[in-house]
Protein backbone atom coordinates (compact mmCIF):
# COMPACT_ATOMS: atom_id res chain seq x y z
CA MET A 1 6.09 -21.57 5.34
CA ARG A 2 7.08 -19.40 8.24
CA LYS A 3 5.43 -15.84 7.99
CA GLN A 4 6.78 -12.80 9.98
CA THR A 5 5.68 -9.19 9.78
CA LEU A 6 7.94 -6.45 10.52
CA LYS A 7 6.82 -3.10 11.93
CA GLY A 8 8.46 -0.91 14.42
CA LEU A 9 11.39 -2.03 16.65
CA ALA A 10 10.69 -6.00 16.68
CA VAL A 11 11.28 -7.90 19.83
CA GLY A 12 13.06 -11.39 19.26
CA LEU A 13 12.42 -12.29 16.01
CA VAL A 14 9.28 -10.65 14.94
CA ALA A 15 6.99 -7.61 16.08
CA VAL A 16 3.26 -8.21 15.77
CA PHE A 17 1.43 -6.05 13.19
CA GLY A 18 -1.57 -4.81 14.77
CA LEU A 19 -5.03 -4.29 12.76
CA ALA A 20 -5.19 -0.82 13.79
CA ALA A 21 -2.70 1.99 13.49
CA CYS A 22 -1.20 2.91 16.51
CA GLY A 23 -1.37 6.35 17.94
CA SER A 24 1.48 9.06 17.19
CA SER A 25 1.53 12.81 16.53
CA ASP A 26 0.67 11.80 12.86
CA SER A 27 -1.81 9.14 13.37
CA THR A 28 -5.65 9.80 13.26
CA SER A 29 -7.38 10.45 16.84
CA ASP A 30 -8.74 7.83 18.64
CA THR A 31 -12.33 8.58 18.69
CA THR A 32 -14.48 7.26 21.52
CA ALA A 33 -18.52 7.39 21.36
CA ALA A 34 -20.73 7.43 24.08
CA ALA A 35 -23.14 5.11 21.67
CA GLU A 36 -22.69 3.22 18.37
CA PRO A 37 -22.78 5.89 15.89
CA THR A 38 -25.25 5.36 12.53
CA GLY A 39 -24.76 6.78 9.29
CA LEU A 40 -23.79 5.74 5.84
CA ALA A 41 -20.41 5.43 4.69
CA CYS A 42 -19.34 4.94 0.90
CA GLU A 43 -16.59 4.11 -1.04
CA VAL A 44 -15.64 5.42 -4.72
CA THR A 45 -12.97 2.98 -6.22
CA ASP A 46 -10.32 3.66 -8.57
CA VAL A 47 -9.83 1.41 -11.74
CA GLY A 48 -9.08 -2.04 -11.12
CA GLY A 49 -12.16 -3.01 -9.15
CA VAL A 50 -12.87 -3.70 -5.38
CA ASP A 51 -11.64 -7.30 -6.22
CA ASP A 52 -8.12 -6.21 -6.93
CA LYS A 53 -6.71 -7.88 -4.15
CA GLY A 54 -4.94 -4.85 -3.27
CA PHE A 55 -5.74 -1.21 -2.22
CA ASN A 56 -9.17 -0.88 -3.52
CA GLN A 57 -10.31 -3.92 -1.61
CA ASN A 58 -8.27 -3.15 1.49
CA ALA A 59 -10.19 0.10 1.66
CA TYR A 60 -13.64 -1.73 1.40
CA ASP A 61 -12.50 -3.98 4.35
CA GLY A 62 -12.02 -0.89 6.46
CA LEU A 63 -15.99 0.02 5.49
CA LYS A 64 -17.05 -3.66 6.38
CA LEU A 65 -15.06 -3.13 9.51
CA ALA A 66 -16.93 0.10 10.18
CA GLU A 67 -20.12 -1.87 9.37
CA ALA A 68 -19.16 -4.64 11.88
CA GLU A 69 -17.56 -2.28 14.75
CA LEU A 70 -20.08 1.02 14.37
CA GLY A 71 -23.27 -0.65 13.03
CA VAL A 72 -23.20 1.76 10.14
CA SER A 73 -24.59 1.09 6.68
CA ILE A 74 -21.94 0.98 3.85
CA ASP A 75 -22.00 1.14 -0.28
CA LEU A 76 -19.73 1.05 -3.13
CA LEU A 77 -19.57 2.46 -6.66
CA GLU A 78 -16.59 0.93 -8.58
CA SER A 79 -14.90 3.02 -11.38
CA ALA A 80 -14.31 1.44 -14.38
CA THR A 81 -12.27 4.27 -15.61
CA ASP A 82 -11.76 8.03 -14.66
CA ALA A 83 -14.91 9.38 -16.15
CA ASP A 84 -16.36 7.83 -13.63
CA TYR A 85 -14.81 9.47 -10.91
CA GLN A 86 -17.05 12.70 -10.75
CA PRO A 87 -20.28 11.09 -11.41
CA ASN A 88 -20.12 8.14 -8.76
CA LEU A 89 -19.16 10.80 -6.26
CA GLN A 90 -22.48 13.06 -6.97
CA SER A 91 -24.16 9.78 -7.00
CA PHE A 92 -23.14 9.02 -3.52
CA VAL A 93 -23.61 12.85 -2.67
CA ASP A 94 -27.09 12.72 -3.82
CA LYS A 95 -27.48 9.61 -1.71
CA GLY A 96 -26.85 11.15 1.43
CA CYS A 97 -23.68 9.48 2.29
CA ASN A 98 -22.30 10.81 5.81
CA VAL A 99 -18.84 10.18 4.81
CA ILE A 100 -17.17 9.22 1.44
CA VAL A 101 -13.89 7.37 0.77
CA THR A 102 -12.14 7.73 -2.24
CA VAL A 103 -9.41 5.55 -3.45
CA GLY A 104 -6.47 6.49 -5.31
CA PHE A 105 -4.41 9.78 -5.74
CA LEU A 106 -6.17 9.78 -9.23
CA LEU A 107 -9.14 10.75 -7.61
CA ALA A 108 -7.64 13.93 -5.84
CA ASP A 109 -9.14 16.53 -8.16
CA ALA A 110 -12.48 14.94 -8.39
CA THR A 111 -12.70 14.55 -4.51
CA LYS A 112 -11.63 18.22 -3.86
CA ALA A 113 -14.38 19.17 -6.13
CA ALA A 114 -16.80 17.56 -4.87
CA ALA A 115 -15.97 18.05 -1.28
CA GLU A 116 -15.65 22.17 -2.19
CA ALA A 117 -19.32 21.75 -3.37
CA ASN A 118 -20.59 20.14 -0.74
CA PRO A 119 -19.11 21.28 2.53
CA THR A 120 -21.28 19.34 4.92
CA VAL A 121 -20.19 16.11 3.43
CA GLN A 122 -17.04 14.31 4.83
CA PHE A 123 -14.67 12.79 2.86
CA ALA A 124 -11.36 10.81 2.92
CA ILE A 125 -9.14 10.04 0.39
CA VAL A 126 -6.48 7.00 0.11
CA ASP A 127 -2.88 8.09 -1.07
CA SER A 128 -3.48 11.84 -1.31
CA ASN A 129 -4.15 15.16 0.62
CA THR A 130 -6.09 17.99 -0.45
CA SER A 131 -6.77 21.63 1.09
CA ALA A 132 -10.62 21.13 1.45
CA ALA A 133 -11.45 21.63 4.80
CA ASN A 134 -13.70 18.54 4.81
CA VAL A 135 -11.43 16.13 3.29
CA GLN A 136 -9.37 13.79 5.42
CA GLY A 137 -5.92 12.59 3.58
CA LEU A 138 -4.93 9.22 4.07
CA THR A 139 -1.32 8.87 2.90
CA PHE A 140 1.46 6.23 3.78
CA ALA A 141 5.00 6.38 3.90
CA THR A 142 5.57 3.22 1.84
CA ASP A 143 9.25 4.07 0.99
CA GLN A 144 10.02 2.78 4.58
CA PRO A 145 8.72 -0.64 4.27
CA SER A 146 9.73 -0.76 0.75
CA PHE A 147 13.21 0.05 1.81
CA LEU A 148 13.06 -3.00 4.00
CA ALA A 149 11.78 -5.19 1.13
CA GLY A 150 14.67 -3.86 -1.34
CA TYR A 151 17.41 -5.11 1.67
CA MET A 152 15.76 -8.26 2.03
CA ALA A 153 15.42 -8.87 -1.74
CA ALA A 154 19.34 -7.81 -2.08
CA ALA A 155 20.04 -10.28 0.68
CA THR A 156 18.36 -13.52 -0.75
CA THR A 157 18.71 -13.25 -4.53
CA LYS A 158 20.47 -15.82 -6.30
CA SER A 159 21.25 -14.29 -9.30
CA GLY A 160 22.00 -10.73 -8.18
CA VAL A 161 19.66 -9.20 -10.03
CA VAL A 162 15.89 -7.84 -8.71
CA GLY A 163 13.50 -5.96 -10.52
CA THR A 164 10.41 -3.60 -9.97
CA PHE A 165 7.93 -1.67 -12.09
CA GLY A 166 5.00 0.49 -11.44
CA GLY A 167 1.65 1.21 -12.99
CA ILE A 168 1.73 4.95 -13.87
CA ASN A 169 4.53 7.17 -12.53
CA ILE A 170 2.75 8.90 -9.43
CA PRO A 171 3.70 9.75 -6.62
CA PRO A 172 2.00 6.94 -4.70
CA VAL A 173 3.61 4.47 -6.90
CA ALA A 174 6.98 5.81 -7.24
CA ILE A 175 7.46 6.23 -3.49
CA PHE A 176 7.56 2.06 -3.10
CA MET A 177 10.04 2.08 -6.49
CA GLN A 178 12.52 4.75 -5.08
CA GLY A 179 12.28 3.05 -1.34
CA PHE A 180 12.88 -0.52 -2.83
CA ALA A 181 15.97 0.69 -4.81
CA LYS A 182 17.28 2.55 -1.99
CA GLY A 183 17.09 -0.64 0.00
CA VAL A 184 18.94 -2.41 -2.51
CA GLU A 185 21.72 0.64 -2.54
CA TYR A 186 21.71 0.50 1.01
CA TYR A 187 22.73 -3.47 0.87
CA ASN A 188 25.25 -3.13 -1.38
CA ALA A 189 26.94 -0.27 0.67
CA GLN A 190 26.75 -2.22 3.72
CA LYS A 191 27.84 -5.68 2.35
CA GLY A 192 30.23 -4.62 -0.75
CA THR A 193 27.96 -6.37 -2.81
CA SER A 194 26.48 -4.99 -6.51
CA VAL A 195 22.85 -6.13 -6.50
CA LYS A 196 21.37 -4.81 -9.66
CA VAL A 197 17.70 -3.18 -9.70
CA LEU A 198 16.25 -3.20 -13.14
CA GLY A 199 13.12 -0.95 -13.59
CA TRP A 200 13.92 2.05 -11.27
CA ASP A 201 16.75 4.56 -11.53
CA ILE A 202 17.09 6.33 -8.35
CA ALA A 203 18.65 9.42 -9.32
CA LYS A 204 16.39 10.17 -12.77
CA GLN A 205 13.09 9.15 -10.37
CA ASP A 206 11.76 7.07 -13.44
CA GLY A 207 11.59 3.62 -14.64
CA THR A 208 9.50 0.96 -15.93
CA PHE A 209 5.76 1.47 -16.13
CA SER A 210 2.67 -0.50 -17.46
CA GLY A 211 0.82 2.52 -17.98
CA ASP A 212 -2.39 1.44 -16.41
CA PHE A 213 -3.35 -0.69 -13.49
CA SER A 214 -5.60 -3.33 -15.24
CA ASP A 215 -3.76 -5.08 -17.69
CA GLN A 216 -2.36 -8.24 -16.56
CA THR A 217 -0.76 -9.38 -19.68
CA LYS A 218 1.44 -6.46 -19.28
CA GLY A 219 2.59 -7.32 -15.93
CA ALA A 220 3.43 -10.73 -17.40
CA SER A 221 5.20 -9.64 -20.26
CA ILE A 222 7.23 -6.96 -17.96
CA ALA A 223 8.16 -10.16 -15.49
CA LYS A 224 9.21 -12.03 -18.47
CA SER A 225 11.87 -9.16 -19.76
CA MET A 226 13.10 -8.83 -16.34
CA ALA A 227 13.67 -12.40 -15.89
CA ASP A 228 15.62 -12.27 -19.28
CA GLU A 229 17.76 -9.94 -17.95
CA GLY A 230 18.38 -12.12 -14.72
CA ALA A 231 16.06 -10.98 -12.02
CA ASP A 232 14.95 -13.84 -9.78
CA ILE A 233 12.47 -11.26 -7.32
CA ILE A 234 10.47 -8.73 -8.88
CA PHE A 235 8.25 -6.07 -6.95
CA PRO A 236 4.99 -4.78 -9.05
CA VAL A 237 3.59 -1.66 -7.63
CA ALA A 238 0.77 -2.03 -10.40
CA GLY A 239 -2.45 -3.09 -8.91
CA PRO A 240 -3.92 -5.95 -10.79
CA VAL A 241 -1.11 -5.60 -13.41
CA GLY A 242 0.81 -7.42 -10.85
CA LEU A 243 -1.11 -10.50 -10.91
CA GLY A 244 0.04 -11.21 -14.57
CA SER A 245 3.67 -11.01 -13.01
CA SER A 246 2.67 -13.60 -10.23
CA GLN A 247 1.37 -15.61 -12.90
CA PHE A 248 4.39 -15.36 -14.61
CA ALA A 249 6.47 -16.48 -11.34
CA MET A 250 3.97 -19.48 -11.05
CA ASP A 251 4.77 -20.73 -14.30
CA SER A 252 8.55 -20.19 -13.95
CA ALA A 253 8.73 -23.51 -11.59
CA GLY A 254 10.58 -21.33 -8.76
CA ALA A 255 12.81 -19.59 -10.70
CA VAL A 256 10.99 -16.29 -10.01
CA LYS A 257 9.57 -14.74 -6.73
CA ILE A 258 7.55 -11.91 -6.36
CA ILE A 259 6.90 -9.35 -3.44
CA GLY A 260 3.36 -8.30 -2.89
CA VAL A 261 2.12 -4.74 -2.76
CA ASP A 262 -0.51 -2.64 -0.37
CA VAL A 263 -1.76 -6.00 1.46
CA ASP A 264 -0.57 -9.51 2.43
CA MET A 265 -0.94 -11.30 -1.34
CA SER A 266 -0.15 -14.53 0.29
CA ILE A 267 -3.56 -14.20 1.76
CA SER A 268 -5.51 -12.08 -0.73
CA ASN A 269 -3.95 -14.19 -3.45
CA PRO A 270 -4.16 -17.78 -2.24
CA THR A 271 -3.95 -19.34 -5.53
CA GLN A 272 -0.83 -17.85 -5.99
CA ALA A 273 0.67 -17.70 -2.59
CA GLU A 274 3.59 -19.82 -3.09
CA VAL A 275 5.23 -17.34 -5.18
CA TYR A 276 5.16 -14.31 -2.68
CA VAL A 277 8.51 -14.12 -0.51
CA ALA A 278 7.16 -10.89 1.12
CA SER A 279 4.42 -8.23 0.79
CA VAL A 280 4.86 -4.54 1.37
CA LEU A 281 1.88 -3.37 3.39
CA LYS A 282 -0.27 -0.23 3.56
CA LYS A 283 -2.71 -0.75 6.30
CA ILE A 284 -5.62 0.95 4.28
CA ASP A 285 -8.45 -0.74 6.20
CA ALA A 286 -7.18 0.36 9.55
CA ALA A 287 -7.08 4.01 8.34
CA VAL A 288 -10.29 3.87 6.52
CA LEU A 289 -12.11 2.62 9.72
CA GLN A 290 -10.59 5.51 11.87
CA ALA A 291 -11.55 7.97 9.21
CA VAL A 292 -15.12 6.80 9.34
CA LYS A 293 -15.02 7.08 13.07
CA ASP A 294 -13.68 10.70 12.71
CA ALA A 295 -16.27 11.60 10.17
CA LEU A 296 -19.25 10.19 12.18
CA ALA A 297 -17.78 12.32 15.37
CA ALA A 298 -17.17 15.44 13.32
CA THR A 299 -13.31 15.22 13.85
CA GLY A 300 -12.36 14.24 10.36
CA GLY A 301 -11.83 16.58 7.23
CA GLY A 302 -8.48 18.25 7.36
CA THR A 303 -6.68 16.12 10.09
CA ASP A 304 -4.73 14.16 7.76
CA TYR A 305 -2.92 10.75 8.57
CA LEU A 306 0.41 9.49 7.56
CA GLY A 307 1.10 5.67 8.16
CA THR A 308 4.72 4.61 9.07
CA LEU A 309 6.56 2.02 10.43
CA GLU A 310 6.61 3.91 13.94
CA ASN A 311 2.80 3.96 13.98
CA GLY A 312 2.12 0.59 12.27
CA GLY A 313 0.61 2.29 9.56
CA VAL A 314 2.85 0.33 7.33
CA GLY A 315 4.76 -2.77 7.71
CA VAL A 316 6.18 -5.95 5.97
CA ALA A 317 4.95 -9.35 5.82
CA ILE A 318 7.89 -11.90 5.26
CA THR A 319 6.25 -15.26 3.80
CA SER A 320 9.72 -16.94 3.22
CA THR A 321 12.14 -18.28 5.88
CA ILE A 322 15.00 -15.90 6.38
CA THR A 323 18.13 -16.62 8.66
CA PRO A 324 18.20 -15.15 12.44
CA GLU A 325 21.43 -13.06 11.05
CA LEU A 326 18.99 -11.37 8.23
CA GLN A 327 16.16 -10.72 10.82
CA ALA A 328 18.31 -9.03 13.17
CA GLU A 329 19.85 -6.88 10.08
CA LEU A 330 16.12 -6.12 9.40
CA ASP A 331 15.59 -4.96 12.83
CA ALA A 332 18.47 -2.97 12.99
CA VAL A 333 17.29 -1.18 9.65
CA ILE A 334 13.90 -0.38 11.25
CA ALA A 335 15.50 1.29 14.28
CA GLY A 336 17.49 3.56 11.77
CA ILE A 337 14.59 4.26 9.69
CA ILE A 338 12.57 5.20 12.65
CA ASP A 339 15.45 7.22 14.27
CA GLY A 340 16.06 8.92 11.00
CA SER A 341 19.55 7.47 10.61
CA ILE A 342 18.77 5.83 7.39
CA VAL A 343 17.06 7.83 4.58
CA THR A 344 14.63 5.80 2.54
CA LYS A 345 13.62 8.33 -0.08
């Protein structure tokens, strides 16, 4: 199995995707302290748990990087339901956390309320921005790598049908699905093909959703339904729900392949690694590490971060063998996305 990672302008066959996001006008500042900072950095997860093999886990990986690199203490509270958001935040305020990282768009209201009530505490939130002065938004242009994944899926499907579905129709989920479908659409326009996308309507901005981020049986059921309609590559954007789709793919004897989301799922989910042809990456860990640095240096809060292909905040890990010709096409698409000549939304 050959693994490639696409980000920015590739040199030769592959560009190296670094651990930390590269600097740019929309990147977080690179903070250098005279001495190692000390403090307490805390995370409140969204539902799905810290072992979701996706964004909750990747955010906590960022805290662990801060622990190792900065010498800070870290703590974690998991949200079983949305009713846990506010009490978890209050618990960490009461504990004296110097920076509290919340994970997910659905925590936006609770995070803003906690930040406004506690202006001396620094907050960061993944997948959202707020107007609170002491909150740093960490968002990602995931339509860009999803577009690449859609192009690759269209180029490699054997059936001429691919699919995607989400957990809930919220902006950080829909942006993946839109980018994926636009990538397929672009491939069709370039090649004169008619690869079909199940699960998302570009014009209506709506599609197939499981309704939650936890029920893996729904992921298996949706994947089966799409496979029954001919899809041989499926892109779940639904957290642990997608693990059900991966299991369905495992049971399909190679007939169905999966595109992972948020992290390289061939690594985070090694027992099902064989089903992943690629993963769309959000470098949440690097963004969280920088947010902790900024918070401890009192330069966070309000300076929002946007991860892009250009600054290395997003990317695609390809875990299947692709031809040099397709690699060259993907490199050209990357260049077009970065210079703005290719629209991914």
